Amino acid sequence: MKKIVALVLALAMAAAMALTAGAESADYSGVKLGVILLHDENSTYDLNFLNGVKEAAANLGLDESQVIIKTGIPESNECYEQALDLVDEGCNVIFADSFGHEDFMISAAKEHADVEFCHATGTKAHTEGLANFHNAFASIYEGRYLAGVAAGLKLKEIQDAGKLKGDHPVIGYVGAFTYAEVISGYTSFYLGAKSIVPDVTMNVQFTGSWYDETEEKNAAQALIADADLISQHADSMGAPSACEDAGIPNVSYNGSTVASCPNTFIVASRINWAPYFEYILTQKAKGEAIDTDWTGTIATGSVVLTDVNEQAAAAGTVEKLAEVKAALEDGSLKVFDTATEGFITVGGEAMTSYMADVDTDAAFEKDTEAVADGYFHESEYRSAPYFDAQIDGITLVNTAF
């Protein structure tokens, strides 16, 4: 275990040193960052970006005048208008955080070639051909897999104690939309749990909103009737609070809920956006190009887990997560493993081939073979997730969204 921990620390230190070396050689006096957020700090999703901006600004020595943040900006033409306002206010790097912001950011980028426009979770930068428009995401499926391992250990603990609600472990999952990002997330979480408890199944209920505390709580409460553990890809405290009220273990997303849910919160995965903000600001300061499609990883410090709440987690969770994390980092473990018999099946058949929609178009045409070398190559052909297969073991309660 000491060797595993040492390896993890060494990789993280190497990534941090590389970033620091680049930052030390840059002059940031001419850089000004504008940030467009879908919601505000009350959304765990947007709070995660806010924290990343603050950390990056502090690390690079930016003062308050060099960062402007716009909150509560919907996925509408208002995003375009706010982007132009940020240009007028002197911002030369502008970032937006929600999928539906993308087209409006592209419109603004076409009008201001001297400004860098960066967008999280988008899919079009690699096909738009704009030198000043960029997409970014991270291999969060690896973080979700790790969180799923923690969930699996808890389910095994419940199973061994004879306290399951049914004859096998069941996960309930609250999802926002039936987008590839959400499907990739809940599938990787499920596979992490399945690696520990092979007979686990999962029920997914969608809310049709990234942030709706009432609907998320209602969905969690409905799932709790059959589930032994709840997780989510939604941005409010709705699901975690429902779990705390019901005494059901919960694995949350984008941040720890231990302060509000001390008895049920186990762990959460999240994208740490600070490395990306530092990267784009440093590239701008040095006059160097920003990657068109940037994917952060565990090794770059972009995919992280919160501290494990040992009051709720199964014994040995911390040690097991360190072991699995090391295997993900060295490539000996693949999240979407298609080589191991029975691990990923669709309609009872092994996944030996899958055409993914990587080059997004109006018809959502499947254009890229994503299975090779014994695994599905998620986020390798573009940064945003494109795994959207419905695998065996996962049941969608509703599919309207």
Protein backbone atom coordinates (compact mmCIF):
# COMPACT_ATOMS: atom_id res chain seq x y z
CA MET A 1 0.00 0.00 0.00
CA LYS A 2 2.86 2.39 0.74
CA LYS A 3 4.16 1.88 -2.82
CA ILE A 4 0.71 2.65 -4.26
CA VAL A 5 0.36 5.84 -2.25
CA ALA A 6 3.88 6.88 -3.22
CA LEU A 7 3.10 6.36 -6.91
CA VAL A 8 -0.08 8.42 -6.70
CA LEU A 9 1.73 11.24 -4.91
CA ALA A 10 4.63 11.16 -7.38
CA LEU A 11 2.36 11.44 -10.41
CA ALA A 12 0.38 14.28 -8.88
CA MET A 13 3.57 16.09 -7.91
CA ALA A 14 5.02 15.72 -11.41
CA ALA A 15 1.89 17.20 -12.98
CA ALA A 16 1.84 20.07 -10.50
CA MET A 17 5.53 20.81 -11.07
CA ALA A 18 5.06 20.91 -14.85
CA LEU A 19 2.18 23.36 -14.51
CA THR A 20 4.06 25.50 -12.02
CA ALA A 21 7.11 25.67 -14.28
CA GLY A 22 4.99 27.05 -17.11
CA ALA A 23 3.25 29.52 -14.85
CA GLU A 24 6.50 30.91 -13.44
CA SER A 25 7.67 31.96 -16.91
CA ALA A 26 4.49 33.88 -17.79
CA ASP A 27 3.49 37.52 -17.29
CA TYR A 28 -0.20 37.66 -16.34
CA SER A 29 -0.57 41.43 -16.22
CA GLY A 30 -2.32 41.51 -19.60
CA VAL A 31 -4.71 38.63 -18.94
CA LYS A 32 -8.34 39.14 -17.99
CA LEU A 33 -10.76 36.24 -17.51
CA GLY A 34 -14.52 36.36 -17.96
CA VAL A 35 -16.62 33.46 -16.63
CA ILE A 36 -20.22 32.63 -17.58
CA LEU A 37 -22.02 30.26 -15.20
CA LEU A 38 -25.43 28.66 -15.67
CA HIS A 39 -26.37 29.03 -12.01
CA ASP A 40 -24.52 30.29 -8.93
CA GLU A 41 -22.85 28.95 -5.80
CA ASN A 42 -26.09 27.22 -4.72
CA SER A 43 -25.55 24.72 -7.54
CA THR A 44 -22.85 22.17 -6.71
CA TYR A 45 -21.93 22.10 -10.41
CA ASP A 46 -21.37 25.85 -10.70
CA LEU A 47 -19.77 26.09 -7.27
CA ASN A 48 -17.17 23.61 -8.48
CA PHE A 49 -16.24 26.01 -11.32
CA LEU A 50 -16.24 29.00 -8.99
CA ASN A 51 -13.83 27.24 -6.67
CA GLY A 52 -11.62 26.34 -9.64
CA VAL A 53 -11.50 29.97 -10.80
CA LYS A 54 -10.63 31.21 -7.31
CA GLU A 55 -7.90 28.61 -6.84
CA ALA A 56 -6.35 29.32 -10.25
CA ALA A 57 -6.45 33.09 -9.74
CA ALA A 58 -4.77 32.74 -6.36
CA ASN A 59 -2.11 30.38 -7.71
CA LEU A 60 -1.27 32.73 -10.58
CA GLY A 61 -1.41 35.92 -8.54
CA LEU A 62 -4.31 37.53 -10.43
CA ASP A 63 -6.04 40.42 -8.70
CA GLU A 64 -9.81 40.94 -8.48
CA SER A 65 -9.87 43.25 -11.50
CA GLN A 66 -8.62 40.43 -13.72
CA VAL A 67 -11.60 38.12 -13.17
CA ILE A 68 -15.26 38.90 -13.95
CA ILE A 69 -17.91 36.29 -13.14
CA LYS A 70 -21.44 36.28 -14.55
CA THR A 71 -23.87 33.95 -12.76
CA GLY A 72 -27.37 32.76 -13.63
CA ILE A 73 -26.82 32.92 -17.40
CA PRO A 74 -29.31 30.64 -19.21
CA GLU A 75 -28.62 28.51 -22.27
CA SER A 76 -30.04 31.17 -24.56
CA ASN A 77 -29.00 34.25 -26.54
CA GLU A 78 -28.31 35.89 -23.19
CA CYS A 79 -25.10 33.86 -23.10
CA TYR A 80 -24.00 35.47 -26.38
CA GLU A 81 -24.89 38.94 -25.07
CA GLN A 82 -23.00 38.37 -21.83
CA ALA A 83 -19.97 37.13 -23.77
CA LEU A 84 -19.96 40.34 -25.80
CA ASP A 85 -20.30 42.38 -22.60
CA LEU A 86 -17.26 40.60 -21.20
CA VAL A 87 -15.32 41.48 -24.37
CA ASP A 88 -16.35 45.11 -23.90
CA GLU A 89 -15.10 44.91 -20.30
CA GLY A 90 -11.64 43.92 -21.55
CA CYS A 91 -11.72 40.14 -21.07
CA ASN A 92 -9.43 38.33 -23.49
CA VAL A 93 -10.24 34.82 -22.20
CA ILE A 94 -13.92 33.94 -21.78
CA PHE A 95 -15.19 30.67 -20.35
CA ALA A 96 -18.73 29.22 -20.17
CA ASP A 97 -19.66 26.17 -18.13
CA SER A 98 -22.84 24.60 -19.52
CA PHE A 99 -23.50 22.38 -22.55
CA GLY A 100 -26.23 24.64 -23.96
CA HIS A 101 -23.95 27.68 -23.92
CA GLU A 102 -21.83 26.31 -26.76
CA ASP A 103 -23.55 27.70 -29.87
CA PHE A 104 -23.72 31.17 -28.34
CA MET A 105 -20.04 31.06 -27.46
CA ILE A 106 -19.22 30.01 -31.02
CA SER A 107 -21.17 33.00 -32.37
CA ALA A 108 -19.21 35.35 -30.12
CA ALA A 109 -15.91 33.69 -31.06
CA LYS A 110 -16.57 34.27 -34.75
CA GLU A 111 -16.91 37.99 -34.10
CA HIS A 112 -13.82 38.41 -31.89
CA ALA A 113 -10.85 36.48 -33.25
CA ASP A 114 -8.47 38.14 -30.76
CA VAL A 115 -10.35 36.73 -27.74
CA GLU A 116 -10.07 33.10 -26.59
CA PHE A 117 -13.45 31.44 -25.96
CA CYS A 118 -13.35 28.27 -23.85
CA HIS A 119 -16.28 26.01 -23.11
CA ALA A 120 -16.82 23.07 -20.77
CA THR A 121 -18.72 19.92 -21.82
CA GLY A 122 -19.10 21.02 -25.45
CA THR A 123 -18.62 18.88 -28.54
CA LYS A 124 -18.02 21.17 -31.53
CA ALA A 125 -14.58 22.76 -31.19
CA HIS A 126 -12.79 19.96 -33.07
CA THR A 127 -15.10 20.34 -36.09
CA GLU A 128 -15.74 24.13 -36.08
CA GLY A 129 -12.25 25.05 -37.25
CA LEU A 130 -12.05 28.22 -35.13
CA ALA A 131 -8.58 28.94 -33.76
CA ASN A 132 -10.08 30.84 -30.80
CA PHE A 133 -12.81 28.39 -29.71
CA HIS A 134 -11.94 25.52 -27.40
CA ASN A 135 -13.69 22.67 -25.57
CA ALA A 136 -12.59 21.14 -22.30
CA PHE A 137 -13.62 18.26 -20.10
CA ALA A 138 -11.92 15.62 -17.96
CA SER A 139 -11.88 11.85 -17.65
CA ILE A 140 -14.50 12.09 -14.90
CA TYR A 141 -15.69 8.61 -15.83
CA GLU A 142 -12.59 7.41 -13.96
CA GLY A 143 -13.63 9.41 -10.90
CA ARG A 144 -17.16 8.06 -11.17
CA TYR A 145 -15.78 4.52 -11.43
CA LEU A 146 -13.80 5.09 -8.24
CA ALA A 147 -16.91 6.45 -6.52
CA GLY A 148 -18.73 3.35 -7.75
CA VAL A 149 -16.08 1.15 -6.15
CA ALA A 150 -16.80 2.90 -2.84
CA ALA A 151 -20.51 2.29 -3.41
CA GLY A 152 -19.85 -1.36 -4.20
CA LEU A 153 -17.92 -1.83 -0.98
CA LYS A 154 -20.81 -0.35 0.98
CA LEU A 155 -23.31 -2.57 -0.83
CA LYS A 156 -21.19 -5.62 -0.08
CA GLU A 157 -21.12 -4.63 3.57
CA ILE A 158 -24.92 -4.37 3.58
CA GLN A 159 -25.22 -7.66 1.66
CA ASP A 160 -22.89 -9.50 4.03
CA ALA A 161 -24.92 -8.22 6.98
CA GLY A 162 -28.12 -9.62 5.41
CA LYS A 163 -29.70 -6.15 5.24
CA LEU A 164 -30.42 -5.74 1.51
CA LYS A 165 -33.97 -4.74 0.63
CA GLY A 166 -34.17 -7.48 -1.99
CA ASP A 167 -32.26 -10.56 -3.13
CA HIS A 168 -29.41 -8.57 -4.71
CA PRO A 169 -27.84 -5.09 -4.34
CA VAL A 170 -29.76 -2.25 -6.02
CA ILE A 171 -28.53 1.29 -6.76
CA GLY A 172 -30.90 4.18 -7.39
CA TYR A 173 -29.52 6.96 -9.58
CA VAL A 174 -30.94 10.46 -10.12
CA GLY A 175 -29.96 11.81 -13.55
CA ALA A 176 -30.64 15.15 -15.20
CA PHE A 177 -30.98 14.29 -18.90
CA THR A 178 -30.45 11.34 -21.24
CA TYR A 179 -27.31 12.96 -22.65
CA ALA A 180 -24.11 11.00 -23.29
CA GLU A 181 -22.43 12.89 -20.45
CA VAL A 182 -24.99 11.55 -17.98
CA ILE A 183 -25.09 8.06 -19.51
CA SER A 184 -21.29 7.81 -19.44
CA GLY A 185 -21.33 8.96 -15.83
CA TYR A 186 -23.93 6.58 -14.47
CA THR A 187 -22.53 3.66 -16.48
CA SER A 188 -18.99 4.15 -15.19
CA PHE A 189 -20.35 4.49 -11.65
CA TYR A 190 -22.33 1.26 -12.09
CA LEU A 191 -19.29 -0.57 -13.46
CA GLY A 192 -17.23 0.50 -10.45
CA ALA A 193 -19.87 -0.94 -8.14
CA LYS A 194 -20.17 -4.08 -10.31
CA SER A 195 -16.43 -4.72 -9.96
CA ILE A 196 -17.12 -5.30 -6.25
CA VAL A 197 -20.65 -6.78 -6.29
CA PRO A 198 -21.18 -8.48 -9.68
CA ASP A 199 -24.93 -9.03 -9.17
CA VAL A 200 -25.74 -5.34 -8.62
CA THR A 201 -28.42 -3.62 -10.71
CA MET A 202 -29.26 0.06 -11.04
CA ASN A 203 -32.43 2.07 -11.64
CA VAL A 204 -32.08 5.54 -13.17
CA GLN A 205 -34.71 8.26 -12.90
CA PHE A 206 -34.32 11.50 -14.87
CA THR A 207 -35.53 14.94 -13.77
CA GLY A 208 -35.25 16.98 -16.99
CA SER A 209 -33.20 19.67 -15.26
CA TRP A 210 -29.61 20.15 -14.15
CA TYR A 211 -30.83 21.89 -11.00
CA ASP A 212 -34.24 21.26 -9.48
CA GLU A 213 -34.06 20.46 -5.80
CA THR A 214 -37.69 19.41 -5.51
CA GLU A 215 -37.61 17.04 -8.50
CA GLU A 216 -34.26 15.60 -7.48
CA LYS A 217 -35.53 14.91 -3.98
CA ASN A 218 -38.74 13.39 -5.33
CA ALA A 219 -36.78 11.16 -7.68
CA ALA A 220 -34.48 10.00 -4.88
CA GLN A 221 -37.44 9.27 -2.61
CA ALA A 222 -39.11 7.21 -5.34
CA LEU A 223 -35.91 5.23 -5.95
CA ILE A 224 -35.28 4.65 -2.24
CA ALA A 225 -38.26 2.32 -2.10
CA ASP A 226 -36.16 -0.39 -3.82
CA ALA A 227 -32.59 0.91 -3.60
CA ASP A 228 -29.90 0.13 -1.06
CA LEU A 229 -27.80 3.16 -2.07
CA ILE A 230 -28.39 6.36 -4.07
CA SER A 231 -26.14 8.40 -6.34
CA GLN A 232 -26.79 11.21 -8.80
CA HIS A 233 -25.76 13.41 -11.69
CA ALA A 234 -27.76 16.46 -10.71
CA ASP A 235 -26.69 19.61 -8.97
CA SER A 236 -28.76 20.29 -5.87
CA MET A 237 -28.93 18.87 -2.36
CA GLY A 238 -32.25 17.19 -3.21
CA ALA A 239 -31.00 13.61 -3.45
CA PRO A 240 -28.42 13.78 -0.62
CA SER A 241 -30.96 15.30 1.79
CA ALA A 242 -33.53 12.62 0.89
CA CYS A 243 -30.91 9.98 1.69
CA GLU A 244 -30.02 11.55 5.03
CA ASP A 245 -33.72 11.72 5.95
CA ALA A 246 -34.21 8.05 5.04
CA GLY A 247 -30.88 6.76 6.37
CA ILE A 248 -29.81 5.49 2.91
CA PRO A 249 -26.12 5.59 1.88
CA ASN A 250 -25.35 8.25 -0.70
CA VAL A 251 -22.52 8.92 -3.14
CA SER A 252 -22.88 12.51 -4.32
CA TYR A 253 -21.23 14.49 -7.12
CA ASN A 254 -19.13 17.67 -7.41
CA GLY A 255 -18.43 18.02 -3.72
CA SER A 256 -18.76 16.67 -0.23
CA THR A 257 -22.16 16.81 1.48
CA VAL A 258 -20.81 15.48 4.76
CA ALA A 259 -21.66 18.68 6.66
CA SER A 260 -25.37 18.25 5.89
CA CYS A 261 -25.42 14.48 5.55
CA PRO A 262 -22.92 13.12 8.10
CA ASN A 263 -24.61 9.75 8.50
CA THR A 264 -25.10 8.81 4.84
CA PHE A 265 -22.52 10.60 2.66
CA ILE A 266 -19.72 8.26 1.57
CA VAL A 267 -17.65 10.07 -1.07
CA ALA A 268 -18.01 12.24 -4.17
CA SER A 269 -16.07 12.57 -7.40
CA ARG A 270 -15.60 15.87 -9.19
CA ILE A 271 -13.65 17.61 -11.89
CA ASN A 272 -11.09 19.99 -10.46
CA TRP A 273 -11.19 22.88 -12.93
CA ALA A 274 -8.28 24.83 -11.41
CA PRO A 275 -5.64 23.13 -13.62
CA TYR A 276 -7.59 24.04 -16.76
CA PHE A 277 -8.05 27.68 -15.76
CA GLU A 278 -4.35 27.90 -14.96
CA TYR A 279 -3.55 26.31 -18.31
CA ILE A 280 -5.66 28.63 -20.49
CA LEU A 281 -4.53 31.75 -18.64
CA THR A 282 -0.89 30.72 -18.88
CA GLN A 283 -1.20 29.97 -22.61
CA LYS A 284 -2.78 33.38 -23.17
CA ALA A 285 -0.13 35.13 -21.09
CA LYS A 286 2.65 33.43 -23.07
CA GLY A 287 0.93 34.02 -26.41
CA GLU A 288 0.72 30.29 -27.09
CA ALA A 289 -2.16 28.26 -28.53
CA ILE A 290 -4.82 26.67 -26.32
CA ASP A 291 -5.70 23.06 -27.10
CA THR A 292 -8.81 22.80 -29.26
CA ASP A 293 -10.05 19.84 -27.21
CA TRP A 294 -8.49 19.46 -23.76
CA THR A 295 -9.04 16.44 -21.51
CA GLY A 296 -7.85 16.57 -17.91
CA THR A 297 -7.01 13.35 -16.06
CA ILE A 298 -6.32 11.98 -12.62
CA ALA A 299 -2.61 12.50 -13.25
CA THR A 300 -3.10 16.22 -14.03
CA GLY A 301 -5.11 16.68 -10.82
CA SER A 302 -8.26 17.30 -12.84
CA VAL A 303 -10.23 14.28 -11.58
CA VAL A 304 -10.43 14.03 -7.81
CA LEU A 305 -12.37 12.46 -4.98
CA THR A 306 -13.43 14.13 -1.78
CA ASP A 307 -12.30 12.70 1.52
CA VAL A 308 -14.06 9.45 2.37
CA ASN A 309 -16.56 9.79 5.21
CA GLU A 310 -15.49 6.79 7.24
CA GLN A 311 -18.57 7.13 9.44
CA ALA A 312 -20.70 5.98 6.49
CA ALA A 313 -18.24 4.15 4.23
CA ALA A 314 -17.39 0.46 4.44
CA ALA A 315 -14.19 -0.54 6.21
CA GLY A 316 -11.19 -0.57 3.87
CA THR A 317 -12.64 1.94 1.40
CA VAL A 318 -9.70 4.36 1.50
CA GLU A 319 -7.17 1.60 0.87
CA LYS A 320 -9.19 0.03 -1.96
CA LEU A 321 -9.66 3.37 -3.70
CA ALA A 322 -5.91 4.00 -3.62
CA GLU A 323 -5.31 0.59 -5.21
CA VAL A 324 -7.88 1.11 -7.99
CA LYS A 325 -6.74 4.69 -8.62
CA ALA A 326 -3.18 3.50 -9.18
CA ALA A 327 -4.41 0.89 -11.69
CA LEU A 328 -6.37 3.53 -13.60
CA GLU A 329 -3.34 5.80 -13.72
CA ASP A 330 -0.93 3.17 -15.00
CA GLY A 331 -3.45 1.92 -17.58
CA SER A 332 -3.71 -1.63 -16.25
CA LEU A 333 -7.42 -1.02 -15.54
CA LYS A 334 -9.89 0.36 -18.09
CA VAL A 335 -13.26 1.67 -16.94
CA PHE A 336 -15.17 0.53 -20.03
CA ASP A 337 -13.52 -2.88 -20.18
CA THR A 338 -14.95 -4.91 -23.07
CA ALA A 339 -12.39 -7.72 -22.84
CA THR A 340 -13.51 -9.20 -19.51
CA GLU A 341 -16.32 -11.65 -20.19
CA GLY A 342 -19.70 -10.54 -18.85
CA PHE A 343 -18.51 -7.16 -17.55
CA ILE A 344 -20.20 -5.06 -20.25
CA THR A 345 -23.02 -6.62 -22.25
CA VAL A 346 -25.83 -5.14 -24.32
CA GLY A 347 -28.88 -7.33 -24.84
CA GLY A 348 -26.94 -10.24 -23.44
CA GLU A 349 -24.15 -9.87 -26.00
CA ALA A 350 -20.58 -8.74 -25.41
CA MET A 351 -19.74 -5.25 -26.64
CA THR A 352 -17.17 -5.93 -29.35
CA SER A 353 -17.93 -2.87 -31.48
CA TYR A 354 -19.67 0.45 -30.97
CA MET A 355 -20.06 3.41 -33.30
CA ALA A 356 -20.06 6.63 -31.30
CA ASP A 357 -21.29 10.10 -32.25
CA VAL A 358 -18.01 11.99 -31.89
CA ASP A 359 -18.34 14.54 -34.71
CA THR A 360 -21.67 15.99 -33.62
CA ASP A 361 -24.10 16.95 -36.37
CA ALA A 362 -27.81 17.74 -36.56
CA ALA A 363 -28.69 14.09 -37.24
CA PHE A 364 -26.50 12.79 -34.36
CA GLU A 365 -24.94 10.36 -36.81
CA LYS A 366 -22.72 7.65 -35.37
CA ASP A 367 -19.33 8.25 -36.98
CA THR A 368 -16.48 6.74 -34.97
CA GLU A 369 -15.66 3.17 -33.92
CA ALA A 370 -14.93 3.49 -30.21
CA VAL A 371 -14.15 -0.09 -29.17
CA ALA A 372 -10.59 -1.28 -29.72
CA ASP A 373 -7.86 -3.06 -27.75
CA GLY A 374 -10.39 -4.48 -25.31
CA TYR A 375 -12.09 -1.30 -24.15
CA PHE A 376 -14.34 1.60 -25.15
CA HIS A 377 -12.13 4.64 -25.75
CA GLU A 378 -14.10 7.28 -23.87
CA SER A 379 -12.97 10.94 -24.15
CA GLU A 380 -9.99 10.04 -26.34
CA TYR A 381 -11.42 11.27 -29.66
CA ARG A 382 -12.87 14.44 -28.14
CA SER A 383 -12.95 15.70 -24.56
CA ALA A 384 -16.72 15.52 -23.92
CA PRO A 385 -18.14 12.05 -23.19
CA TYR A 386 -19.76 10.06 -26.01
CA PHE A 387 -20.46 6.71 -24.35
CA ASP A 388 -24.24 6.40 -24.72
CA ALA A 389 -24.86 2.64 -24.83
CA GLN A 390 -27.60 1.19 -22.62
CA ILE A 391 -25.86 -1.77 -21.01
CA ASP A 392 -27.41 -4.72 -19.21
CA GLY A 393 -28.04 -4.30 -15.50
CA ILE A 394 -29.24 -0.69 -15.76
CA THR A 395 -32.94 0.11 -16.04
CA LEU A 396 -34.21 3.54 -17.06
CA VAL A 397 -37.32 4.38 -15.03
CA ASN A 398 -38.22 7.19 -17.43
CA THR A 399 -36.74 8.41 -20.72
CA ALA A 400 -38.70 11.58 -21.45
CA PHE A 401 -35.71 13.89 -21.05
